[in-house]
Amino acid sequence: MLDSLAIIIERPFDLSLRRVRLDAPAATDVVVEVAWSGVSTGTEKLIFTGEMPPFPGMGYPLVPGYEATGTIVEAGHAVRGRLGETVFV
């Protein structure tokens, strides 16, 4: 089982740091060890302050940071050749 340490917006103005479970990569998936992640000063700020209008898939709890760079550390059998590659997600 894979897991990752993540910042989580639990509810407005409430952050936590905890481990979250990740699914094992399928044949064409990769696992990226994130070096840097951007947090939106628009959407994610609105979620943090509780001002985000209802939007599908954007609710609590939420792991912020949808733009990231890092290194592929694990890969499904169809993409094994990408191990060690630096990527933007």
PDB file of N, CA and C in Angstrom:
ATOM      1  N   MET A   1       0.837  -1.177   0.000  1.00  0.00           N
ATOM      2  CA  MET A   1       0.000   0.000   0.000  1.00  0.00           C
ATOM      3  C   MET A   1       0.886   1.245   0.000  1.00  0.00           C
ATOM      4  N   LEU A   2       0.560   2.186  -0.878  1.00  0.00           N
ATOM      5  CA  LEU A   2       1.272   3.449  -0.938  1.00  0.00           C
ATOM      6  C   LEU A   2       0.573   4.479  -0.071  1.00  0.00           C
ATOM      7  N   ASP A   3       1.353   5.395   0.487  1.00  0.00           N
ATOM      8  CA  ASP A   3       0.755   6.513   1.193  1.00  0.00           C
ATOM      9  C   ASP A   3       1.617   7.748   0.991  1.00  0.00           C
ATOM     10  N   SER A   4       1.075   8.885   1.368  1.00  0.00           N
ATOM     11  CA  SER A   4       1.781  10.147   1.213  1.00  0.00           C
ATOM     12  C   SER A   4       1.388  11.073   2.349  1.00  0.00           C
ATOM     13  N   LEU A   5       2.310  11.908   2.744  1.00  0.00           N
ATOM     14  CA  LEU A   5       2.015  12.931   3.732  1.00  0.00           C
ATOM     15  C   LEU A   5       1.399  14.116   2.983  1.00  0.00           C
ATOM     16  N   ALA A   6       0.256  14.623   3.458  1.00  0.00           N
ATOM     17  CA  ALA A   6      -0.449  15.674   2.734  1.00  0.00           C
ATOM     18  C   ALA A   6      -1.008  16.720   3.683  1.00  0.00           C
ATOM     19  N   ILE A   7      -1.032  17.953   3.192  1.00  0.00           N
ATOM     20  CA  ILE A   7      -1.778  19.016   3.861  1.00  0.00           C
ATOM     21  C   ILE A   7      -3.222  18.842   3.422  1.00  0.00           C
ATOM     22  N   ILE A   8      -4.143  18.940   4.353  1.00  0.00           N
ATOM     23  CA  ILE A   8      -5.550  18.748   4.037  1.00  0.00           C
ATOM     24  C   ILE A   8      -6.351  19.925   4.595  1.00  0.00           C
ATOM     25  N   ILE A   9      -7.180  20.519   3.719  1.00  0.00           N
ATOM     26  CA  ILE A   9      -8.128  21.529   4.190  1.00  0.00           C
ATOM     27  C   ILE A   9      -9.352  20.741   4.649  1.00  0.00           C
ATOM     28  N   GLU A  10      -9.528  20.669   5.952  1.00  0.00           N
ATOM     29  CA  GLU A  10     -10.617  19.871   6.533  1.00  0.00           C
ATOM     30  C   GLU A  10     -11.964  20.581   6.415  1.00  0.00           C
ATOM     31  N   ARG A  11     -11.945  21.898   6.637  1.00  0.00           N
ATOM     32  CA  ARG A  11     -13.120  22.771   6.583  1.00  0.00           C
ATOM     33  C   ARG A  11     -12.554  24.188   6.562  1.00  0.00           C
ATOM     34  N   PRO A  12     -13.367  25.207   6.389  1.00  0.00           N
ATOM     35  CA  PRO A  12     -12.813  26.557   6.339  1.00  0.00           C
ATOM     36  C   PRO A  12     -11.899  26.872   7.531  1.00  0.00           C
ATOM     37  N   PHE A  13     -10.730  27.397   7.200  1.00  0.00           N
ATOM     38  CA  PHE A  13      -9.719  27.824   8.173  1.00  0.00           C
ATOM     39  C   PHE A  13      -9.192  26.696   9.062  1.00  0.00           C
ATOM     40  N   ASP A  14      -9.295  25.448   8.611  1.00  0.00           N
ATOM     41  CA  ASP A  14      -8.844  24.289   9.393  1.00  0.00           C
ATOM     42  C   ASP A  14      -7.974  23.391   8.527  1.00  0.00           C
ATOM     43  N   LEU A  15      -6.654  23.437   8.772  1.00  0.00           N
ATOM     44  CA  LEU A  15      -5.694  22.608   8.044  1.00  0.00           C
ATOM     45  C   LEU A  15      -5.176  21.497   8.936  1.00  0.00           C
ATOM     46  N   SER A  16      -4.847  20.369   8.322  1.00  0.00           N
ATOM     47  CA  SER A  16      -4.177  19.297   9.056  1.00  0.00           C
ATOM     48  C   SER A  16      -3.075  18.735   8.172  1.00  0.00           C
ATOM     49  N   LEU A  17      -2.181  18.022   8.780  1.00  0.00           N
ATOM     50  CA  LEU A  17      -1.107  17.327   8.084  1.00  0.00           C
ATOM     51  C   LEU A  17      -1.241  15.864   8.465  1.00  0.00           C
ATOM     52  N   ARG A  18      -1.551  15.013   7.473  1.00  0.00           N
ATOM     53  CA  ARG A  18      -1.717  13.592   7.789  1.00  0.00           C
ATOM     54  C   ARG A  18      -1.401  12.735   6.576  1.00  0.00           C
ATOM     55  N   ARG A  19      -1.262  11.460   6.840  1.00  0.00           N
ATOM     56  CA  ARG A  19      -0.987  10.500   5.765  1.00  0.00           C
ATOM     57  C   ARG A  19      -2.293  10.145   5.061  1.00  0.00           C
ATOM     58  N   VAL A  20      -2.215  10.048   3.727  1.00  0.00           N
ATOM     59  CA  VAL A  20      -3.360   9.622   2.932  1.00  0.00           C
ATOM     60  C   VAL A  20      -2.942   8.404   2.110  1.00  0.00           C
ATOM     61  N   ARG A  21      -3.889   7.502   1.905  1.00  0.00           N
ATOM     62  CA  ARG A  21      -3.630   6.280   1.144  1.00  0.00           C
ATOM     63  C   ARG A  21      -3.706   6.574  -0.341  1.00  0.00           C
ATOM     64  N   LEU A  22      -2.785   5.991  -1.099  1.00  0.00           N
ATOM     65  CA  LEU A  22      -2.772   6.123  -2.551  1.00  0.00           C
ATOM     66  C   LEU A  22      -3.019   4.762  -3.181  1.00  0.00           C
ATOM     67  N   ASP A  23      -3.710   4.746  -4.298  1.00  0.00           N
ATOM     68  CA  ASP A  23      -3.897   3.500  -5.044  1.00  0.00           C
ATOM     69  C   ASP A  23      -2.583   3.110  -5.710  1.00  0.00           C
ATOM     70  N   ALA A  24      -2.353   1.820  -5.849  1.00  0.00           N
ATOM     71  CA  ALA A  24      -1.182   1.343  -6.579  1.00  0.00           C
ATOM     72  C   ALA A  24      -1.320   1.759  -8.042  1.00  0.00           C
ATOM     73  N   PRO A  25      -0.211   2.068  -8.711  1.00  0.00           N
ATOM     74  CA  PRO A  25      -0.311   2.499 -10.102  1.00  0.00           C
ATOM     75  C   PRO A  25      -0.789   1.380 -11.022  1.00  0.00           C
ATOM     76  N   ALA A  26      -1.713   1.735 -11.931  1.00  0.00           N
ATOM     77  CA  ALA A  26      -2.156   0.805 -12.975  1.00  0.00           C
ATOM     78  C   ALA A  26      -1.093   0.787 -14.075  1.00  0.00           C
ATOM     79  N   ALA A  27      -1.327   0.030 -15.116  1.00  0.00           N
ATOM     80  CA  ALA A  27      -0.339  -0.185 -16.182  1.00  0.00           C
ATOM     81  C   ALA A  27       0.230   1.108 -16.763  1.00  0.00           C
ATOM     82  N   THR A  28      -0.588   2.128 -16.930  1.00  0.00           N
ATOM     83  CA  THR A  28      -0.121   3.372 -17.557  1.00  0.00           C
ATOM     84  C   THR A  28       0.020   4.530 -16.575  1.00  0.00           C
ATOM     85  N   ASP A  29      -0.013   4.251 -15.271  1.00  0.00           N
ATOM     86  CA  ASP A  29       0.123   5.283 -14.247  1.00  0.00           C
ATOM     87  C   ASP A  29       1.559   5.419 -13.779  1.00  0.00           C
ATOM     88  N   VAL A  30       1.870   6.591 -13.223  1.00  0.00           N
ATOM     89  CA  VAL A  30       3.163   6.808 -12.576  1.00  0.00           C
ATOM     90  C   VAL A  30       2.925   7.395 -11.190  1.00  0.00           C
ATOM     91  N   VAL A  31       3.884   7.198 -10.307  1.00  0.00           N
ATOM     92  CA  VAL A  31       3.890   7.817  -8.986  1.00  0.00           C
ATOM     93  C   VAL A  31       5.003   8.855  -9.004  1.00  0.00           C
ATOM     94  N   VAL A  32       4.652  10.092  -8.651  1.00  0.00           N
ATOM     95  CA  VAL A  32       5.603  11.199  -8.697  1.00  0.00           C
ATOM     96  C   VAL A  32       5.943  11.633  -7.281  1.00  0.00           C
ATOM     97  N   GLU A  33       7.240  11.677  -6.981  1.00  0.00           N
ATOM     98  CA  GLU A  33       7.698  12.259  -5.716  1.00  0.00           C
ATOM     99  C   GLU A  33       7.761  13.759  -5.959  1.00  0.00           C
ATOM    100  N   VAL A  34       6.852  14.497  -5.339  1.00  0.00           N
ATOM    101  CA  VAL A  34       6.693  15.921  -5.624  1.00  0.00           C
ATOM    102  C   VAL A  34       7.805  16.730  -4.947  1.00  0.00           C
ATOM    103  N   ALA A  35       8.426  17.595  -5.745  1.00  0.00           N
ATOM    104  CA  ALA A  35       9.435  18.511  -5.225  1.00  0.00           C
ATOM    105  C   ALA A  35       8.815  19.873  -4.915  1.00  0.00           C
ATOM    106  N   TRP A  36       7.937  20.331  -5.807  1.00  0.00           N
ATOM    107  CA  TRP A  36       7.281  21.627  -5.656  1.00  0.00           C
ATOM    108  C   TRP A  36       5.826  21.509  -6.092  1.00  0.00           C
ATOM    109  N   SER A  37       4.946  22.187  -5.388  1.00  0.00           N
ATOM    110  CA  SER A  37       3.532  22.183  -5.739  1.00  0.00           C
ATOM    111  C   SER A  37       2.985  23.593  -5.613  1.00  0.00           C
ATOM    112  N   GLY A  38       2.220  24.019  -6.617  1.00  0.00           N
ATOM    113  CA  GLY A  38       1.596  25.332  -6.561  1.00  0.00           C
ATOM    114  C   GLY A  38       0.227  25.234  -5.917  1.00  0.00           C
ATOM    115  N   VAL A  39      -0.109  26.232  -5.142  1.00  0.00           N
ATOM    116  CA  VAL A  39      -1.438  26.314  -4.537  1.00  0.00           C
ATOM    117  C   VAL A  39      -2.120  27.543  -5.128  1.00  0.00           C
ATOM    118  N   SER A  40      -3.324  27.371  -5.635  1.00  0.00           N
ATOM    119  CA  SER A  40      -4.056  28.442  -6.298  1.00  0.00           C
ATOM    120  C   SER A  40      -4.457  29.529  -5.308  1.00  0.00           C
ATOM    121  N   THR A  41      -4.124  30.767  -5.651  1.00  0.00           N
ATOM    122  CA  THR A  41      -4.562  31.885  -4.813  1.00  0.00           C
ATOM    123  C   THR A  41      -5.993  32.271  -5.140  1.00  0.00           C
ATOM    124  N   GLY A  42      -6.610  31.560  -6.077  1.00  0.00           N
ATOM    125  CA  GLY A  42      -8.012  31.773  -6.416  1.00  0.00           C
ATOM    126  C   GLY A  42      -8.865  30.688  -5.804  1.00  0.00           C
ATOM    127  N   THR A  43      -8.996  29.568  -6.531  1.00  0.00           N
ATOM    128  CA  THR A  43      -9.886  28.477  -6.128  1.00  0.00           C
ATOM    129  C   THR A  43      -9.568  27.943  -4.737  1.00  0.00           C
ATOM    130  N   GLU A  44      -8.321  27.586  -4.499  1.00  0.00           N
ATOM    131  CA  GLU A  44      -7.980  26.970  -3.210  1.00  0.00           C
ATOM    132  C   GLU A  44      -8.073  27.965  -2.058  1.00  0.00           C
ATOM    133  N   LYS A  45      -7.809  29.236  -2.333  1.00  0.00           N
ATOM    134  CA  LYS A  45      -8.014  30.252  -1.289  1.00  0.00           C
ATOM    135  C   LYS A  45      -9.502  30.345  -0.940  1.00  0.00           C
ATOM    136  N   LEU A  46     -10.358  30.302  -1.966  1.00  0.00           N
ATOM    137  CA  LEU A  46     -11.806  30.353  -1.709  1.00  0.00           C
ATOM    138  C   LEU A  46     -12.271  29.150  -0.899  1.00  0.00           C
ATOM    139  N   ILE A  47     -11.689  27.982  -1.158  1.00  0.00           N
ATOM    140  CA  ILE A  47     -12.041  26.786  -0.381  1.00  0.00           C
ATOM    141  C   ILE A  47     -11.569  26.947   1.061  1.00  0.00           C
ATOM    142  N   PHE A  48     -10.339  27.449   1.240  1.00  0.00           N
ATOM    143  CA  PHE A  48      -9.803  27.628   2.585  1.00  0.00           C
ATOM    144  C   PHE A  48     -10.652  28.602   3.404  1.00  0.00           C
ATOM    145  N   THR A  49     -11.125  29.668   2.756  1.00  0.00           N
ATOM    146  CA  THR A  49     -11.918  30.672   3.488  1.00  0.00           C
ATOM    147  C   THR A  49     -13.398  30.321   3.562  1.00  0.00           C
ATOM    148  N   GLY A  50     -13.814  29.252   2.858  1.00  0.00           N
ATOM    149  CA  GLY A  50     -15.212  28.848   2.865  1.00  0.00           C
ATOM    150  C   GLY A  50     -16.076  29.636   1.898  1.00  0.00           C
ATOM    151  N   GLU A  51     -15.442  30.388   0.986  1.00  0.00           N
ATOM    152  CA  GLU A  51     -16.183  31.232   0.047  1.00  0.00           C
ATOM    153  C   GLU A  51     -16.374  30.595  -1.331  1.00  0.00           C
ATOM    154  N   MET A  52     -15.917  29.347  -1.522  1.00  0.00           N
ATOM    155  CA  MET A  52     -16.031  28.688  -2.820  1.00  0.00           C
ATOM    156  C   MET A  52     -17.475  28.296  -3.082  1.00  0.00           C
ATOM    157  N   PRO A  53     -18.051  28.757  -4.213  1.00  0.00           N
ATOM    158  CA  PRO A  53     -19.400  28.312  -4.562  1.00  0.00           C
ATOM    159  C   PRO A  53     -19.410  26.806  -4.815  1.00  0.00           C
ATOM    160  N   PRO A  54     -20.525  26.137  -4.662  1.00  0.00           N
ATOM    161  CA  PRO A  54     -20.585  24.698  -4.916  1.00  0.00           C
ATOM    162  C   PRO A  54     -20.060  24.378  -6.326  1.00  0.00           C
ATOM    163  N   PHE A  55     -19.170  23.379  -6.390  1.00  0.00           N
ATOM    164  CA  PHE A  55     -18.568  22.973  -7.660  1.00  0.00           C
ATOM    165  C   PHE A  55     -18.252  21.486  -7.566  1.00  0.00           C
ATOM    166  N   PRO A  56     -18.610  20.693  -8.575  1.00  0.00           N
ATOM    167  CA  PRO A  56     -18.366  19.241  -8.512  1.00  0.00           C
ATOM    168  C   PRO A  56     -16.887  18.905  -8.257  1.00  0.00           C
ATOM    169  N   GLY A  57     -16.657  18.053  -7.281  1.00  0.00           N
ATOM    170  CA  GLY A  57     -15.307  17.600  -6.954  1.00  0.00           C
ATOM    171  C   GLY A  57     -14.500  18.543  -6.093  1.00  0.00           C
ATOM    172  N   MET A  58     -15.059  19.683  -5.745  1.00  0.00           N
ATOM    173  CA  MET A  58     -14.326  20.660  -4.939  1.00  0.00           C
ATOM    174  C   MET A  58     -15.035  20.833  -3.604  1.00  0.00           C
ATOM    175  N   GLY A  59     -14.732  19.980  -2.669  1.00  0.00           N
ATOM    176  CA  GLY A  59     -15.338  20.067  -1.351  1.00  0.00           C
ATOM    177  C   GLY A  59     -14.341  19.651  -0.298  1.00  0.00           C
ATOM    178  N   TYR A  60     -14.813  19.492   0.901  1.00  0.00           N
ATOM    179  CA  TYR A  60     -13.964  19.110   2.039  1.00  0.00           C
ATOM    180  C   TYR A  60     -14.065  17.622   2.290  1.00  0.00           C
ATOM    181  N   PRO A  61     -13.041  16.999   2.727  1.00  0.00           N
ATOM    182  CA  PRO A  61     -11.673  17.503   2.847  1.00  0.00           C
ATOM    183  C   PRO A  61     -11.029  17.622   1.461  1.00  0.00           C
ATOM    184  N   LEU A  62     -10.029  18.494   1.340  1.00  0.00           N
ATOM    185  CA  LEU A  62      -9.368  18.729   0.069  1.00  0.00           C
ATOM    186  C   LEU A  62      -7.858  18.783   0.267  1.00  0.00           C
ATOM    187  N   VAL A  63      -7.121  18.104  -0.591  1.00  0.00           N
ATOM    188  CA  VAL A  63      -5.661  18.207  -0.627  1.00  0.00           C
ATOM    189  C   VAL A  63      -5.333  19.282  -1.656  1.00  0.00           C
ATOM    190  N   PRO A  64      -4.825  20.458  -1.228  1.00  0.00           N
ATOM    191  CA  PRO A  64      -4.531  21.522  -2.182  1.00  0.00           C
ATOM    192  C   PRO A  64      -3.248  21.233  -2.969  1.00  0.00           C
ATOM    193  N   GLY A  65      -3.110  21.957  -4.072  1.00  0.00           N
ATOM    194  CA  GLY A  65      -1.897  21.834  -4.874  1.00  0.00           C
ATOM    195  C   GLY A  65      -2.104  20.971  -6.091  1.00  0.00           C
ATOM    196  N   TYR A  66      -2.622  21.536  -7.164  1.00  0.00           N
ATOM    197  CA  TYR A  66      -2.915  20.743  -8.355  1.00  0.00           C
ATOM    198  C   TYR A  66      -1.912  20.957  -9.473  1.00  0.00           C
ATOM    199  N   GLU A  67      -0.891  21.751  -9.255  1.00  0.00           N
ATOM    200  CA  GLU A  67       0.213  21.905 -10.192  1.00  0.00           C
ATOM    201  C   GLU A  67       1.470  21.493  -9.447  1.00  0.00           C
ATOM    202  N   ALA A  68       2.183  20.503  -9.983  1.00  0.00           N
ATOM    203  CA  ALA A  68       3.344  20.003  -9.255  1.00  0.00           C
ATOM    204  C   ALA A  68       4.451  19.586 -10.215  1.00  0.00           C
ATOM    205  N   THR A  69       5.673  19.634  -9.717  1.00  0.00           N
ATOM    206  CA  THR A  69       6.815  19.083 -10.430  1.00  0.00           C
ATOM    207  C   THR A  69       7.481  18.073  -9.508  1.00  0.00           C
ATOM    208  N   GLY A  70       8.084  17.069 -10.107  1.00  0.00           N
ATOM    209  CA  GLY A  70       8.770  16.058  -9.317  1.00  0.00           C
ATOM    210  C   GLY A  70       9.374  14.983 -10.190  1.00  0.00           C
ATOM    211  N   THR A  71       9.744  13.892  -9.550  1.00  0.00           N
ATOM    212  CA  THR A  71      10.423  12.784 -10.213  1.00  0.00           C
ATOM    213  C   THR A  71       9.567  11.531 -10.153  1.00  0.00           C
ATOM    214  N   ILE A  72       9.489  10.825 -11.271  1.00  0.00           N
ATOM    215  CA  ILE A  72       8.750   9.557 -11.306  1.00  0.00           C
ATOM    216  C   ILE A  72       9.551   8.516 -10.526  1.00  0.00           C
ATOM    217  N   VAL A  73       8.937   7.974  -9.457  1.00  0.00           N
ATOM    218  CA  VAL A  73       9.622   7.013  -8.594  1.00  0.00           C
ATOM    219  C   VAL A  73       9.044   5.609  -8.685  1.00  0.00           C
ATOM    220  N   GLU A  74       7.866   5.494  -9.287  1.00  0.00           N
ATOM    221  CA  GLU A  74       7.249   4.187  -9.485  1.00  0.00           C
ATOM    222  C   GLU A  74       6.364   4.301 -10.714  1.00  0.00           C
ATOM    223  N   ALA A  75       6.236   3.185 -11.450  1.00  0.00           N
ATOM    224  CA  ALA A  75       5.448   3.238 -12.675  1.00  0.00           C
ATOM    225  C   ALA A  75       4.838   1.883 -12.976  1.00  0.00           C
ATOM    226  N   GLY A  76       3.678   1.937 -13.646  1.00  0.00           N
ATOM    227  CA  GLY A  76       3.042   0.717 -14.108  1.00  0.00           C
ATOM    228  C   GLY A  76       3.886   0.075 -15.207  1.00  0.00           C
ATOM    229  N   HIS A  77       3.598  -1.176 -15.521  1.00  0.00           N
ATOM    230  CA  HIS A  77       4.448  -1.931 -16.454  1.00  0.00           C
ATOM    231  C   HIS A  77       4.515  -1.312 -17.852  1.00  0.00           C
ATOM    232  N   ALA A  78       3.515  -0.581 -18.280  1.00  0.00           N
ATOM    233  CA  ALA A  78       3.519   0.004 -19.630  1.00  0.00           C
ATOM    234  C   ALA A  78       4.373   1.267 -19.734  1.00  0.00           C
ATOM    235  N   VAL A  79       4.781   1.821 -18.600  1.00  0.00           N
ATOM    236  CA  VAL A  79       5.556   3.069 -18.619  1.00  0.00           C
ATOM    237  C   VAL A  79       6.812   3.005 -17.754  1.00  0.00           C
ATOM    238  N   ARG A  80       7.323   1.819 -17.523  1.00  0.00           N
ATOM    239  CA  ARG A  80       8.519   1.652 -16.678  1.00  0.00           C
ATOM    240  C   ARG A  80       9.708   2.463 -17.172  1.00  0.00           C
ATOM    241  N   GLY A  81       9.797   2.707 -18.478  1.00  0.00           N
ATOM    242  CA  GLY A  81      10.921   3.450 -19.039  1.00  0.00           C
ATOM    243  C   GLY A  81      10.998   4.887 -18.574  1.00  0.00           C
ATOM    244  N   ARG A  82       9.984   5.371 -17.890  1.00  0.00           N
ATOM    245  CA  ARG A  82       9.968   6.766 -17.437  1.00  0.00           C
ATOM    246  C   ARG A  82      10.492   6.939 -16.008  1.00  0.00           C
ATOM    247  N   LEU A  83      10.869   5.856 -15.336  1.00  0.00           N
ATOM    248  CA  LEU A  83      11.400   5.967 -13.968  1.00  0.00           C
ATOM    249  C   LEU A  83      12.571   6.933 -13.952  1.00  0.00           C
ATOM    250  N   GLY A  84      12.577   7.822 -12.949  1.00  0.00           N
ATOM    251  CA  GLY A  84      13.653   8.787 -12.788  1.00  0.00           C
ATOM    252  C   GLY A  84      13.459  10.072 -13.572  1.00  0.00           C
ATOM    253  N   GLU A  85      12.457  10.128 -14.423  1.00  0.00           N
ATOM    254  CA  GLU A  85      12.199  11.313 -15.244  1.00  0.00           C
ATOM    255  C   GLU A  85      11.580  12.430 -14.391  1.00  0.00           C
ATOM    256  N   THR A  86      12.002  13.672 -14.651  1.00  0.00           N
ATOM    257  CA  THR A  86      11.392  14.822 -13.990  1.00  0.00           C
ATOM    258  C   THR A  86      10.193  15.249 -14.823  1.00  0.00           C
ATOM    259  N   VAL A  87       9.053  15.494 -14.133  1.00  0.00           N
ATOM    260  CA  VAL A  87       7.807  15.799 -14.846  1.00  0.00           C
ATOM    261  C   VAL A  87       7.088  16.972 -14.191  1.00  0.00           C
ATOM    262  N   PHE A  88       6.185  17.581 -14.981  1.00  0.00           N
ATOM    263  CA  PHE A  88       5.237  18.583 -14.495  1.00  0.00           C
ATOM    264  C   PHE A  88       3.872  17.924 -14.543  1.00  0.00           C
ATOM    265  N   VAL A  89       3.151  17.952 -13.438  1.00  0.00           N
ATOM    266  CA  VAL A  89       1.850  17.294 -13.356  1.00  0.00           C
ATOM    267  C   VAL A  89       0.763  18.347 -13.351  1.00  0.00           C
TER     268      VAL A  89
END
